[in-house]
PDB file of N, CA and C in Angstrom:
ATOM      1  N   MET A   1     139.115 104.884-110.966  1.00  0.00           N
ATOM      2  CA  MET A   1     140.161 105.333-110.081  1.00  0.00           C
ATOM      3  C   MET A   1     141.430 104.543-110.426  1.00  0.00           C
ATOM      4  N   THR A   2     142.522 105.259-110.577  1.00  0.00           N
ATOM      5  CA  THR A   2     143.781 104.625-110.954  1.00  0.00           C
ATOM      6  C   THR A   2     144.416 103.908-109.768  1.00  0.00           C
ATOM      7  N   SER A   3     145.316 103.011-110.073  1.00  0.00           N
ATOM      8  CA  SER A   3     145.997 102.280-108.998  1.00  0.00           C
ATOM      9  C   SER A   3     146.877 103.216-108.172  1.00  0.00           C
ATOM     10  N   GLU A   4     147.397 104.267-108.796  1.00  0.00           N
ATOM     11  CA  GLU A   4     148.186 105.249-108.038  1.00  0.00           C
ATOM     12  C   GLU A   4     147.308 105.981-107.030  1.00  0.00           C
ATOM     13  N   ARG A   5     146.106 106.307-107.421  1.00  0.00           N
ATOM     14  CA  ARG A   5     145.193 107.015-106.515  1.00  0.00           C
ATOM     15  C   ARG A   5     144.766 106.101-105.364  1.00  0.00           C
ATOM     16  N   VAL A   6     144.528 104.840-105.676  1.00  0.00           N
ATOM     17  CA  VAL A   6     144.182 103.887-104.627  1.00  0.00           C
ATOM     18  C   VAL A   6     145.326 103.778-103.628  1.00  0.00           C
ATOM     19  N   ARG A   7     146.558 103.707-104.142  1.00  0.00           N
ATOM     20  CA  ARG A   7     147.724 103.647-103.269  1.00  0.00           C
ATOM     21  C   ARG A   7     147.803 104.901-102.405  1.00  0.00           C
ATOM     22  N   ASP A   8     147.546 106.065-102.992  1.00  0.00           N
ATOM     23  CA  ASP A   8     147.563 107.311-102.232  1.00  0.00           C
ATOM     24  C   ASP A   8     146.497 107.320-101.138  1.00  0.00           C
ATOM     25  N   LEU A   9     145.318 106.786-101.447  1.00  0.00           N
ATOM     26  CA  LEU A   9     144.251 106.706-100.446  1.00  0.00           C
ATOM     27  C   LEU A   9     144.667 105.832 -99.273  1.00  0.00           C
ATOM     28  N   ILE A  10     145.328 104.738 -99.571  1.00  0.00           N
ATOM     29  CA  ILE A  10     145.804 103.844 -98.504  1.00  0.00           C
ATOM     30  C   ILE A  10     146.846 104.548 -97.662  1.00  0.00           C
ATOM     31  N   TYR A  11     147.779 105.254 -98.301  1.00  0.00           N
ATOM     32  CA  TYR A  11     148.803 105.994 -97.559  1.00  0.00           C
ATOM     33  C   TYR A  11     148.187 107.072 -96.675  1.00  0.00           C
ATOM     34  N   GLU A  12     147.198 107.788 -97.204  1.00  0.00           N
ATOM     35  CA  GLU A  12     146.543 108.839 -96.427  1.00  0.00           C
ATOM     36  C   GLU A  12     145.853 108.247 -95.199  1.00  0.00           C
ATOM     37  N   ALA A  13     145.191 107.114 -95.374  1.00  0.00           N
ATOM     38  CA  ALA A  13     144.519 106.466 -94.245  1.00  0.00           C
ATOM     39  C   ALA A  13     145.540 105.970 -93.223  1.00  0.00           C
ATOM     40  N   ILE A  14     146.630 105.385 -93.692  1.00  0.00           N
ATOM     41  CA  ILE A  14     147.669 104.898 -92.771  1.00  0.00           C
ATOM     42  C   ILE A  14     148.253 106.056 -91.979  1.00  0.00           C
ATOM     43  N   ILE A  15     148.556 107.155 -92.641  1.00  0.00           N
ATOM     44  CA  ILE A  15     149.109 108.329 -91.948  1.00  0.00           C
ATOM     45  C   ILE A  15     148.120 108.849 -90.915  1.00  0.00           C
ATOM     46  N   PHE A  16     146.853 108.959 -91.292  1.00  0.00           N
ATOM     47  CA  PHE A  16     145.837 109.436 -90.356  1.00  0.00           C
ATOM     48  C   PHE A  16     145.788 108.542 -89.116  1.00  0.00           C
ATOM     49  N   TRP A  17     145.716 107.219 -89.314  1.00  0.00           N
ATOM     50  CA  TRP A  17     145.584 106.301 -88.185  1.00  0.00           C
ATOM     51  C   TRP A  17     146.853 106.238 -87.348  1.00  0.00           C
ATOM     52  N   LEU A  18     148.019 106.405 -87.968  1.00  0.00           N
ATOM     53  CA  LEU A  18     149.252 106.473 -87.170  1.00  0.00           C
ATOM     54  C   LEU A  18     149.246 107.690 -86.257  1.00  0.00           C
ATOM     55  N   ILE A  19     148.826 108.825 -86.805  1.00  0.00           N
ATOM     56  CA  ILE A  19     148.717 110.034 -85.990  1.00  0.00           C
ATOM     57  C   ILE A  19     147.700 109.827 -84.875  1.00  0.00           C
ATOM     58  N   ALA A  20     146.566 109.223 -85.206  1.00  0.00           N
ATOM     59  CA  ALA A  20     145.516 108.977 -84.210  1.00  0.00           C
ATOM     60  C   ALA A  20     146.020 108.077 -83.084  1.00  0.00           C
ATOM     61  N   ILE A  21     146.720 107.022 -83.425  1.00  0.00           N
ATOM     62  CA  ILE A  21     147.215 106.095 -82.399  1.00  0.00           C
ATOM     63  C   ILE A  21     148.277 106.750 -81.534  1.00  0.00           C
ATOM     64  N   VAL A  22     149.218 107.463 -82.157  1.00  0.00           N
ATOM     65  CA  VAL A  22     150.278 108.125 -81.383  1.00  0.00           C
ATOM     66  C   VAL A  22     149.685 109.175 -80.443  1.00  0.00           C
ATOM     67  N   MET A  23     148.797 110.013 -80.944  1.00  0.00           N
ATOM     68  CA  MET A  23     148.212 111.056 -80.110  1.00  0.00           C
ATOM     69  C   MET A  23     147.342 110.456 -79.000  1.00  0.00           C
ATOM     70  N   SER A  24     146.614 109.404 -79.300  1.00  0.00           N
ATOM     71  CA  SER A  24     145.808 108.740 -78.274  1.00  0.00           C
ATOM     72  C   SER A  24     146.709 108.129 -77.210  1.00  0.00           C
ATOM     73  N   PHE A  25     147.821 107.553 -77.633  1.00  0.00           N
ATOM     74  CA  PHE A  25     148.782 106.983 -76.696  1.00  0.00           C
ATOM     75  C   PHE A  25     149.337 108.067 -75.766  1.00  0.00           C
ATOM     76  N   ILE A  26     149.664 109.224 -76.343  1.00  0.00           N
ATOM     77  CA  ILE A  26     150.172 110.334 -75.525  1.00  0.00           C
ATOM     78  C   ILE A  26     149.124 110.770 -74.508  1.00  0.00           C
ATOM     79  N   TYR A  27     147.871 110.890 -74.933  1.00  0.00           N
ATOM     80  CA  TYR A  27     146.812 111.249 -73.986  1.00  0.00           C
ATOM     81  C   TYR A  27     146.616 110.166 -72.936  1.00  0.00           C
ATOM     82  N   GLY A  28     146.785 108.906 -73.319  1.00  0.00           N
ATOM     83  CA  GLY A  28     146.661 107.831 -72.344  1.00  0.00           C
ATOM     84  C   GLY A  28     147.732 107.898 -71.281  1.00  0.00           C
ATOM     85  N   ILE A  29     148.958 108.178 -71.687  1.00  0.00           N
ATOM     86  CA  ILE A  29     150.073 108.203 -70.742  1.00  0.00           C
ATOM     87  C   ILE A  29     150.119 109.502 -69.940  1.00  0.00           C
ATOM     88  N   LYS A  30     149.863 110.619 -70.578  1.00  0.00           N
ATOM     89  CA  LYS A  30     150.087 111.925 -69.956  1.00  0.00           C
ATOM     90  C   LYS A  30     148.807 112.678 -69.598  1.00  0.00           C
ATOM     91  N   ALA A  31     147.701 111.990 -69.431  1.00  0.00           N
ATOM     92  CA  ALA A  31     146.424 112.665 -69.175  1.00  0.00           C
ATOM     93  C   ALA A  31     146.457 113.540 -67.933  1.00  0.00           C
ATOM     94  N   PHE A  32     147.086 113.053 -66.852  1.00  0.00           N
ATOM     95  CA  PHE A  32     147.118 113.838 -65.621  1.00  0.00           C
ATOM     96  C   PHE A  32     147.915 115.128 -65.807  1.00  0.00           C
ATOM     97  N   GLU A  33     149.060 115.026 -66.474  1.00  0.00           N
ATOM     98  CA  GLU A  33     149.872 116.218 -66.706  1.00  0.00           C
ATOM     99  C   GLU A  33     149.181 117.192 -67.664  1.00  0.00           C
ATOM    100  N   ILE A  34     148.550 116.649 -68.701  1.00  0.00           N
ATOM    101  CA  ILE A  34     147.876 117.489 -69.695  1.00  0.00           C
ATOM    102  C   ILE A  34     146.747 118.288 -69.046  1.00  0.00           C
ATOM    103  N   HIS A  35     145.994 117.646 -68.164  1.00  0.00           N
ATOM    104  CA  HIS A  35     144.842 118.309 -67.544  1.00  0.00           C
ATOM    105  C   HIS A  35     145.155 118.914 -66.178  1.00  0.00           C
ATOM    106  N   GLY A  36     146.405 118.824 -65.759  1.00  0.00           N
ATOM    107  CA  GLY A  36     146.805 119.443 -64.492  1.00  0.00           C
ATOM    108  C   GLY A  36     146.213 118.787 -63.260  1.00  0.00           C
ATOM    109  N   ASP A  37     145.986 117.500 -63.297  1.00  0.00           N
ATOM    110  CA  ASP A  37     145.399 116.774 -62.174  1.00  0.00           C
ATOM    111  C   ASP A  37     146.517 116.220 -61.289  1.00  0.00           C
ATOM    112  N   THR A  38     146.972 117.002 -60.321  1.00  0.00           N
ATOM    113  CA  THR A  38     148.079 116.569 -59.458  1.00  0.00           C
ATOM    114  C   THR A  38     147.662 115.451 -58.511  1.00  0.00           C
ATOM    115  N   LYS A  39     146.414 115.463 -58.060  1.00  0.00           N
ATOM    116  CA  LYS A  39     145.930 114.395 -57.169  1.00  0.00           C
ATOM    117  C   LYS A  39     145.948 113.051 -57.906  1.00  0.00           C
ATOM    118  N   GLY A  40     145.429 113.043 -59.113  1.00  0.00           N
ATOM    119  CA  GLY A  40     145.432 111.809 -59.902  1.00  0.00           C
ATOM    120  C   GLY A  40     146.832 111.358 -60.256  1.00  0.00           C
ATOM    121  N   LEU A  41     147.726 112.307 -60.509  1.00  0.00           N
ATOM    122  CA  LEU A  41     149.110 111.974 -60.818  1.00  0.00           C
ATOM    123  C   LEU A  41     149.781 111.282 -59.644  1.00  0.00           C
ATOM    124  N   LYS A  42     149.552 111.803 -58.439  1.00  0.00           N
ATOM    125  CA  LYS A  42     150.127 111.179 -57.238  1.00  0.00           C
ATOM    126  C   LYS A  42     149.566 109.769 -57.046  1.00  0.00           C
ATOM    127  N   GLU A  43     148.261 109.621 -57.211  1.00  0.00           N
ATOM    128  CA  GLU A  43     147.651 108.302 -57.018  1.00  0.00           C
ATOM    129  C   GLU A  43     148.135 107.316 -58.078  1.00  0.00           C
ATOM    130  N   SER A  44     148.336 107.792 -59.307  1.00  0.00           N
ATOM    131  CA  SER A  44     148.770 106.888 -60.373  1.00  0.00           C
ATOM    132  C   SER A  44     150.182 106.365 -60.144  1.00  0.00           C
ATOM    133  N   LYS A  45     151.002 107.130 -59.425  1.00  0.00           N
ATOM    134  CA  LYS A  45     152.362 106.675 -59.139  1.00  0.00           C
ATOM    135  C   LYS A  45     152.382 105.561 -58.098  1.00  0.00           C
ATOM    136  N   SER A  46     151.385 105.531 -57.226  1.00  0.00           N
ATOM    137  CA  SER A  46     151.369 104.519 -56.165  1.00  0.00           C
ATOM    138  C   SER A  46     150.440 103.341 -56.454  1.00  0.00           C
ATOM    139  N   ASN A  47     149.556 103.477 -57.406  1.00  0.00           N
ATOM    140  CA  ASN A  47     148.569 102.437 -57.677  1.00  0.00           C
ATOM    141  C   ASN A  47     148.617 102.075 -59.158  1.00  0.00           C
ATOM    142  N   LYS A  48     149.239 100.925 -59.473  1.00  0.00           N
ATOM    143  CA  LYS A  48     149.414 100.554 -60.875  1.00  0.00           C
ATOM    144  C   LYS A  48     148.082 100.268 -61.583  1.00  0.00           C
ATOM    145  N   TRP A  49     147.082  99.758 -60.880  1.00  0.00           N
ATOM    146  CA  TRP A  49     145.785  99.487 -61.507  1.00  0.00           C
ATOM    147  C   TRP A  49     145.045 100.785 -61.819  1.00  0.00           C
ATOM    148  N   PHE A  50     145.164 101.751 -60.944  1.00  0.00           N
ATOM    149  CA  PHE A  50     144.575 103.072 -61.224  1.00  0.00           C
ATOM    150  C   PHE A  50     145.248 103.674 -62.449  1.00  0.00           C
ATOM    151  N   ARG A  51     146.573 103.559 -62.528  1.00  0.00           N
ATOM    152  CA  ARG A  51     147.320 104.083 -63.672  1.00  0.00           C
ATOM    153  C   ARG A  51     146.882 103.380 -64.960  1.00  0.00           C
ATOM    154  N   TRP A  52     146.758 102.036 -64.907  1.00  0.00           N
ATOM    155  CA  TRP A  52     146.322 101.280 -66.075  1.00  0.00           C
ATOM    156  C   TRP A  52     144.907 101.688 -66.503  1.00  0.00           C
ATOM    157  N   HIS A  53     144.016 101.807 -65.528  1.00  0.00           N
ATOM    158  CA  HIS A  53     142.636 102.203 -65.830  1.00  0.00           C
ATOM    159  C   HIS A  53     142.602 103.585 -66.478  1.00  0.00           C
ATOM    160  N   GLN A  54     143.359 104.539 -65.957  1.00  0.00           N
ATOM    161  CA  GLN A  54     143.373 105.890 -66.515  1.00  0.00           C
ATOM    162  C   GLN A  54     143.993 105.914 -67.911  1.00  0.00           C
ATOM    163  N   PHE A  55     145.041 105.118 -68.107  1.00  0.00           N
ATOM    164  CA  PHE A  55     145.632 105.030 -69.452  1.00  0.00           C
ATOM    165  C   PHE A  55     144.599 104.516 -70.440  1.00  0.00           C
ATOM    166  N   TRP A  56     143.960 103.391 -70.084  1.00  0.00           N
ATOM    167  CA  TRP A  56     142.984 102.782 -70.968  1.00  0.00           C
ATOM    168  C   TRP A  56     141.832 103.743 -71.261  1.00  0.00           C
ATOM    169  N   LEU A  57     141.305 104.371 -70.222  1.00  0.00           N
ATOM    170  CA  LEU A  57     140.172 105.274 -70.365  1.00  0.00           C
ATOM    171  C   LEU A  57     140.513 106.474 -71.254  1.00  0.00           C
ATOM    172  N   ASN A  58     141.654 107.095 -71.011  1.00  0.00           N
ATOM    173  CA  ASN A  58     142.019 108.286 -71.778  1.00  0.00           C
ATOM    174  C   ASN A  58     142.490 107.944 -73.187  1.00  0.00           C
ATOM    175  N   PHE A  59     143.176 106.817 -73.353  1.00  0.00           N
ATOM    176  CA  PHE A  59     143.545 106.366 -74.695  1.00  0.00           C
ATOM    177  C   PHE A  59     142.297 106.105 -75.519  1.00  0.00           C
ATOM    178  N   LEU A  60     141.358 105.369 -74.940  1.00  0.00           N
ATOM    179  CA  LEU A  60     140.132 105.033 -75.651  1.00  0.00           C
ATOM    180  C   LEU A  60     139.319 106.282 -75.984  1.00  0.00           C
ATOM    181  N   GLY A  61     139.226 107.218 -75.038  1.00  0.00           N
ATOM    182  CA  GLY A  61     138.484 108.456 -75.297  1.00  0.00           C
ATOM    183  C   GLY A  61     139.078 109.244 -76.457  1.00  0.00           C
ATOM    184  N   ALA A  62     140.402 109.357 -76.485  1.00  0.00           N
ATOM    185  CA  ALA A  62     141.051 110.078 -77.580  1.00  0.00           C
ATOM    186  C   ALA A  62     140.897 109.319 -78.892  1.00  0.00           C
ATOM    187  N   PHE A  63     141.028 108.002 -78.845  1.00  0.00           N
ATOM    188  CA  PHE A  63     140.910 107.207 -80.067  1.00  0.00           C
ATOM    189  C   PHE A  63     139.495 107.272 -80.642  1.00  0.00           C
ATOM    190  N   VAL A  64     138.498 107.283 -79.777  1.00  0.00           N
ATOM    191  CA  VAL A  64     137.116 107.450 -80.243  1.00  0.00           C
ATOM    192  C   VAL A  64     136.960 108.799 -80.944  1.00  0.00           C
ATOM    193  N   GLY A  65     137.563 109.849 -80.372  1.00  0.00           N
ATOM    194  CA  GLY A  65     137.514 111.163 -81.008  1.00  0.00           C
ATOM    195  C   GLY A  65     138.132 111.156 -82.392  1.00  0.00           C
ATOM    196  N   TRP A  66     139.310 110.534 -82.516  1.00  0.00           N
ATOM    197  CA  TRP A  66     139.963 110.442 -83.833  1.00  0.00           C
ATOM    198  C   TRP A  66     139.128 109.617 -84.804  1.00  0.00           C
ATOM    199  N   SER A  67     138.497 108.557 -84.305  1.00  0.00           N
ATOM    200  CA  SER A  67     137.654 107.718 -85.164  1.00  0.00           C
ATOM    201  C   SER A  67     136.444 108.490 -85.678  1.00  0.00           C
ATOM    202  N   LEU A  68     135.853 109.294 -84.812  1.00  0.00           N
ATOM    203  CA  LEU A  68     134.709 110.111 -85.244  1.00  0.00           C
ATOM    204  C   LEU A  68     135.137 111.167 -86.256  1.00  0.00           C
ATOM    205  N   LEU A  69     136.319 111.741 -86.069  1.00  0.00           N
ATOM    206  CA  LEU A  69     136.835 112.697 -87.054  1.00  0.00           C
ATOM    207  C   LEU A  69     137.059 112.007 -88.391  1.00  0.00           C
ATOM    208  N   TYR A  70     137.593 110.791 -88.372  1.00  0.00           N
ATOM    209  CA  TYR A  70     137.793 110.043 -89.613  1.00  0.00           C
ATOM    210  C   TYR A  70     136.462 109.773 -90.301  1.00  0.00           C
ATOM    211  N   TYR A  71     135.453 109.435 -89.515  1.00  0.00           N
ATOM    212  CA  TYR A  71     134.126 109.210 -90.083  1.00  0.00           C
ATOM    213  C   TYR A  71     133.638 110.454 -90.827  1.00  0.00           C
ATOM    214  N   ILE A  72     133.772 111.616 -90.196  1.00  0.00           N
ATOM    215  CA  ILE A  72     133.326 112.858 -90.840  1.00  0.00           C
ATOM    216  C   ILE A  72     134.147 113.136 -92.090  1.00  0.00           C
ATOM    217  N   LEU A  73     135.474 113.035 -91.982  1.00  0.00           N
ATOM    218  CA  LEU A  73     136.335 113.368 -93.114  1.00  0.00           C
ATOM    219  C   LEU A  73     136.223 112.361 -94.253  1.00  0.00           C
ATOM    220  N   ALA A  74     136.245 111.084 -93.936  1.00  0.00           N
ATOM    221  CA  ALA A  74     136.308 110.062 -94.980  1.00  0.00           C
ATOM    222  C   ALA A  74     134.949 109.669 -95.541  1.00  0.00           C
ATOM    223  N   TYR A  75     133.938 109.635 -94.699  1.00  0.00           N
ATOM    224  CA  TYR A  75     132.645 109.142 -95.162  1.00  0.00           C
ATOM    225  C   TYR A  75     131.630 110.245 -95.428  1.00  0.00           C
ATOM    226  N   ARG A  76     131.601 111.252 -94.592  1.00  0.00           N
ATOM    227  CA  ARG A  76     130.626 112.320 -94.801  1.00  0.00           C
ATOM    228  C   ARG A  76     131.137 113.355 -95.807  1.00  0.00           C
ATOM    229  N   LEU A  77     132.385 113.818 -95.635  1.00  0.00           N
ATOM    230  CA  LEU A  77     132.940 114.798 -96.561  1.00  0.00           C
ATOM    231  C   LEU A  77     133.644 114.142 -97.737  1.00  0.00           C
ATOM    232  N   ASP A  78     134.076 112.908 -97.572  1.00  0.00           N
ATOM    233  CA  ASP A  78     134.742 112.139 -98.617  1.00  0.00           C
ATOM    234  C   ASP A  78     135.978 112.869 -99.153  1.00  0.00           C
ATOM    235  N   ILE A  79     136.733 113.499 -98.238  1.00  0.00           N
ATOM    236  CA  ILE A  79     137.853 114.326 -98.693  1.00  0.00           C
ATOM    237  C   ILE A  79     139.051 113.520 -99.168  1.00  0.00           C
ATOM    238  N   PHE A  80     139.124 112.259 -98.827  1.00  0.00           N
ATOM    239  CA  PHE A  80     140.263 111.472 -99.278  1.00  0.00           C
ATOM    240  C   PHE A  80     140.147 111.099-100.754  1.00  0.00           C
ATOM    241  N   ARG A  81     138.937 111.076-101.271  1.00  0.00           N
ATOM    242  CA  ARG A  81     138.766 110.725-102.682  1.00  0.00           C
ATOM    243  C   ARG A  81     138.460 111.924-103.565  1.00  0.00           C
ATOM    244  N   ASN A  82     137.797 112.901-103.040  1.00  0.00           N
ATOM    245  CA  ASN A  82     137.381 114.050-103.847  1.00  0.00           C
ATOM    246  C   ASN A  82     137.885 115.332-103.208  1.00  0.00           C
ATOM    247  N   LEU A  83     137.975 116.345-104.022  1.00  0.00           N
ATOM    248  CA  LEU A  83     138.236 117.656-103.451  1.00  0.00           C
ATOM    249  C   LEU A  83     136.989 118.093-102.701  1.00  0.00           C
ATOM    250  N   LEU A  84     137.202 118.778-101.609  1.00  0.00           N
ATOM    251  CA  LEU A  84     136.082 119.206-100.781  1.00  0.00           C
ATOM    252  C   LEU A  84     135.308 120.312-101.495  1.00  0.00           C
ATOM    253  N   VAL A  85     134.079 120.022-101.826  1.00  0.00           N
ATOM    254  CA  VAL A  85     133.198 121.004-102.446  1.00  0.00           C
ATOM    255  C   VAL A  85     132.041 121.220-101.480  1.00  0.00           C
ATOM    256  N   LEU A  86     132.087 122.338-100.758  1.00  0.00           N
ATOM    257  CA  LEU A  86     131.124 122.548 -99.683  1.00  0.00           C
ATOM    258  C   LEU A  86     129.696 122.705-100.165  1.00  0.00           C
ATOM    259  N   GLU A  87     129.512 123.164-101.412  1.00  0.00           N
ATOM    260  CA  GLU A  87     128.124 123.312-101.844  1.00  0.00           C
ATOM    261  C   GLU A  87     127.436 121.979-102.037  1.00  0.00           C
ATOM    262  N   ASP A  88     128.215 120.905-102.226  1.00  0.00           N
ATOM    263  CA  ASP A  88     127.634 119.574-102.375  1.00  0.00           C
ATOM    264  C   ASP A  88     127.363 118.914-101.026  1.00  0.00           C
ATOM    265  N   TYR A  89     127.785 119.526 -99.967  1.00  0.00           N
ATOM    266  CA  TYR A  89     127.678 118.899 -98.652  1.00  0.00           C
ATOM    267  C   TYR A  89     126.671 119.647 -97.801  1.00  0.00           C
ATOM    268  N   ARG A  90     125.785 118.913 -97.179  1.00  0.00           N
ATOM    269  CA  ARG A  90     124.789 119.485 -96.289  1.00  0.00           C
ATOM    270  C   ARG A  90     125.087 119.040 -94.864  1.00  0.00           C
ATOM    271  N   ILE A  91     125.362 119.984 -93.996  1.00  0.00           N
ATOM    272  CA  ILE A  91     125.649 119.659 -92.602  1.00  0.00           C
ATOM    273  C   ILE A  91     124.341 119.357 -91.889  1.00  0.00           C
ATOM    274  N   THR A  92     124.327 118.233 -91.200  1.00  0.00           N
ATOM    275  CA  THR A  92     123.140 117.851 -90.445  1.00  0.00           C
ATOM    276  C   THR A  92     123.422 118.007 -88.952  1.00  0.00           C
ATOM    277  N   SER A  93     122.383 117.930 -88.164  1.00  0.00           N
ATOM    278  CA  SER A  93     122.559 118.036 -86.715  1.00  0.00           C
ATOM    279  C   SER A  93     123.362 116.854 -86.180  1.00  0.00           C
ATOM    280  N   ILE A  94     123.225 115.691 -86.790  1.00  0.00           N
ATOM    281  CA  ILE A  94     124.016 114.526 -86.385  1.00  0.00           C
ATOM    282  C   ILE A  94     125.501 114.795 -86.636  1.00  0.00           C
ATOM    283  N   ASP A  95     125.827 115.421 -87.758  1.00  0.00           N
ATOM    284  CA  ASP A  95     127.229 115.757 -88.049  1.00  0.00           C
ATOM    285  C   ASP A  95     127.801 116.676 -86.982  1.00  0.00           C
ATOM    286  N   LEU A  96     127.021 117.626 -86.547  1.00  0.00           N
ATOM    287  CA  LEU A  96     127.489 118.544 -85.505  1.00  0.00           C
ATOM    288  C   LEU A  96     127.723 117.825 -84.180  1.00  0.00           C
ATOM    289  N   ILE A  97     126.834 116.903 -83.851  1.00  0.00           N
ATOM    290  CA  ILE A  97     127.010 116.121 -82.622  1.00  0.00           C
ATOM    291  C   ILE A  97     128.260 115.247 -82.727  1.00  0.00           C
ATOM    292  N   VAL A  98     128.444 114.608 -83.880  1.00  0.00           N
ATOM    293  CA  VAL A  98     129.632 113.779 -84.089  1.00  0.00           C
ATOM    294  C   VAL A  98     130.896 114.638 -83.997  1.00  0.00           C
ATOM    295  N   LEU A  99     130.871 115.824 -84.596  1.00  0.00           N
ATOM    296  CA  LEU A  99     132.032 116.721 -84.513  1.00  0.00           C
ATOM    297  C   LEU A  99     132.301 117.164 -83.077  1.00  0.00           C
ATOM    298  N   LEU A 100     131.261 117.412 -82.310  1.00  0.00           N
ATOM    299  CA  LEU A 100     131.436 117.780 -80.907  1.00  0.00           C
ATOM    300  C   LEU A 100     132.134 116.663 -80.137  1.00  0.00           C
ATOM    301  N   PHE A 101     131.666 115.423 -80.317  1.00  0.00           N
ATOM    302  CA  PHE A 101     132.291 114.300 -79.628  1.00  0.00           C
ATOM    303  C   PHE A 101     133.696 114.026 -80.158  1.00  0.00           C
ATOM    304  N   ALA A 102     133.926 114.264 -81.443  1.00  0.00           N
ATOM    305  CA  ALA A 102     135.280 114.126 -81.987  1.00  0.00           C
ATOM    306  C   ALA A 102     136.211 115.133 -81.324  1.00  0.00           C
ATOM    307  N   PHE A 103     135.760 116.373 -81.197  1.00  0.00           N
ATOM    308  CA  PHE A 103     136.560 117.411 -80.546  1.00  0.00           C
ATOM    309  C   PHE A 103     136.845 117.051 -79.093  1.00  0.00           C
ATOM    310  N   LEU A 104     135.817 116.619 -78.369  1.00  0.00           N
ATOM    311  CA  LEU A 104     135.998 116.244 -76.961  1.00  0.00           C
ATOM    312  C   LEU A 104     136.989 115.087 -76.826  1.00  0.00           C
ATOM    313  N   GLY A 105     136.905 114.131 -77.731  1.00  0.00           N
ATOM    314  CA  GLY A 105     137.817 112.995 -77.674  1.00  0.00           C
ATOM    315  C   GLY A 105     139.245 113.374 -78.000  1.00  0.00           C
ATOM    316  N   ILE A 106     139.445 114.097 -79.081  1.00  0.00           N
ATOM    317  CA  ILE A 106     140.791 114.464 -79.515  1.00  0.00           C
ATOM    318  C   ILE A 106     141.482 115.355 -78.487  1.00  0.00           C
ATOM    319  N   THR A 107     140.734 116.209 -77.821  1.00  0.00           N
ATOM    320  CA  THR A 107     141.324 117.101 -76.823  1.00  0.00           C
ATOM    321  C   THR A 107     141.423 116.465 -75.439  1.00  0.00           C
ATOM    322  N   GLY A 108     140.968 115.215 -75.296  1.00  0.00           N
ATOM    323  CA  GLY A 108     141.114 114.501 -74.041  1.00  0.00           C
ATOM    324  C   GLY A 108     140.005 114.715 -73.034  1.00  0.00           C
ATOM    325  N   TYR A 109     138.915 115.351 -73.421  1.00  0.00           N
ATOM    326  CA  TYR A 109     137.836 115.631 -72.481  1.00  0.00           C
ATOM    327  C   TYR A 109     136.642 114.685 -72.601  1.00  0.00           C
ATOM    328  N   LEU A 110     136.682 113.742 -73.512  1.00  0.00           N
ATOM    329  CA  LEU A 110     135.542 112.838 -73.676  1.00  0.00           C
ATOM    330  C   LEU A 110     135.290 111.983 -72.435  1.00  0.00           C
ATOM    331  N   PRO A 111     136.318 111.345 -71.837  1.00  0.00           N
ATOM    332  CA  PRO A 111     136.029 110.565 -70.622  1.00  0.00           C
ATOM    333  C   PRO A 111     135.428 111.417 -69.506  1.00  0.00           C
ATOM    334  N   TYR A 112     135.975 112.597 -69.299  1.00  0.00           N
ATOM    335  CA  TYR A 112     135.460 113.480 -68.253  1.00  0.00           C
ATOM    336  C   TYR A 112     134.014 113.881 -68.554  1.00  0.00           C
ATOM    337  N   THR A 113     133.745 114.231 -69.797  1.00  0.00           N
ATOM    338  CA  THR A 113     132.407 114.677 -70.178  1.00  0.00           C
ATOM    339  C   THR A 113     131.384 113.562 -70.015  1.00  0.00           C
ATOM    340  N   VAL A 114     131.746 112.358 -70.397  1.00  0.00           N
ATOM    341  CA  VAL A 114     130.813 111.239 -70.310  1.00  0.00           C
ATOM    342  C   VAL A 114     130.609 110.798 -68.860  1.00  0.00           C
ATOM    343  N   LEU A 115     131.666 110.852 -68.050  1.00  0.00           N
ATOM    344  CA  LEU A 115     131.599 110.325 -66.693  1.00  0.00           C
ATOM    345  C   LEU A 115     131.264 111.364 -65.631  1.00  0.00           C
ATOM    346  N   ILE A 116     131.083 112.616 -66.019  1.00  0.00           N
ATOM    347  CA  ILE A 116     130.822 113.673 -65.034  1.00  0.00           C
ATOM    348  C   ILE A 116     129.541 113.356 -64.257  1.00  0.00           C
ATOM    349  N   LYS A 117     129.589 113.572 -62.972  1.00  0.00           N
ATOM    350  CA  LYS A 117     128.449 113.231 -62.118  1.00  0.00           C
ATOM    351  C   LYS A 117     127.546 114.430 -61.814  1.00  0.00           C
ATOM    352  N   ASP A 118     127.963 115.635 -62.182  1.00  0.00           N
ATOM    353  CA  ASP A 118     127.199 116.826 -61.822  1.00  0.00           C
ATOM    354  C   ASP A 118     126.222 117.290 -62.891  1.00  0.00           C
ATOM    355  N   TRP A 119     126.027 116.495 -63.913  1.00  0.00           N
ATOM    356  CA  TRP A 119     125.063 116.874 -64.928  1.00  0.00           C
ATOM    357  C   TRP A 119     123.670 116.900 -64.321  1.00  0.00           C
ATOM    358  N   LYS A 120     122.881 117.855 -64.718  1.00  0.00           N
ATOM    359  CA  LYS A 120     121.523 117.949 -64.201  1.00  0.00           C
ATOM    360  C   LYS A 120     120.668 116.769 -64.639  1.00  0.00           C
ATOM    361  N   ILE A 121     121.021 116.142 -65.772  1.00  0.00           N
ATOM    362  CA  ILE A 121     120.221 114.999 -66.232  1.00  0.00           C
ATOM    363  C   ILE A 121     120.420 113.783 -65.341  1.00  0.00           C
ATOM    364  N   TRP A 122     121.524 113.718 -64.568  1.00  0.00           N
ATOM    365  CA  TRP A 122     121.754 112.590 -63.663  1.00  0.00           C
ATOM    366  C   TRP A 122     121.028 112.777 -62.335  1.00  0.00           C
ATOM    367  N   LYS A 123     120.572 113.996 -62.053  1.00  0.00           N
ATOM    368  CA  LYS A 123     119.955 114.269 -60.745  1.00  0.00           C
ATOM    369  C   LYS A 123     118.469 114.028 -60.795  1.00  0.00           C
TER     370      LYS A 123
END
């Protein structure tokens, strides 16, 4: 691998993680508006600890989603180093589960999905 390609790989990773951090930050700050939770929005304006907790929870949920997507793209598909050749790649059930959690995290639903109390498995 040439030094130019290594430099490109570093740039691609930096760009990916910058996007991940910015988008996670937006979900952390604007989670109530994004999900239309007016009750939570009102409470967050009057309770700074509730606001901090919600920021942390939603930022972390989105960041976990981006991290799982990076795992699939960089380690399982290896798209940063090679062209994607689907015939060389075998999708496993674990990959599908990881992709599901990546989707839930990136779209801001991972905290809700993990913390939901109405699941039948909790009863």
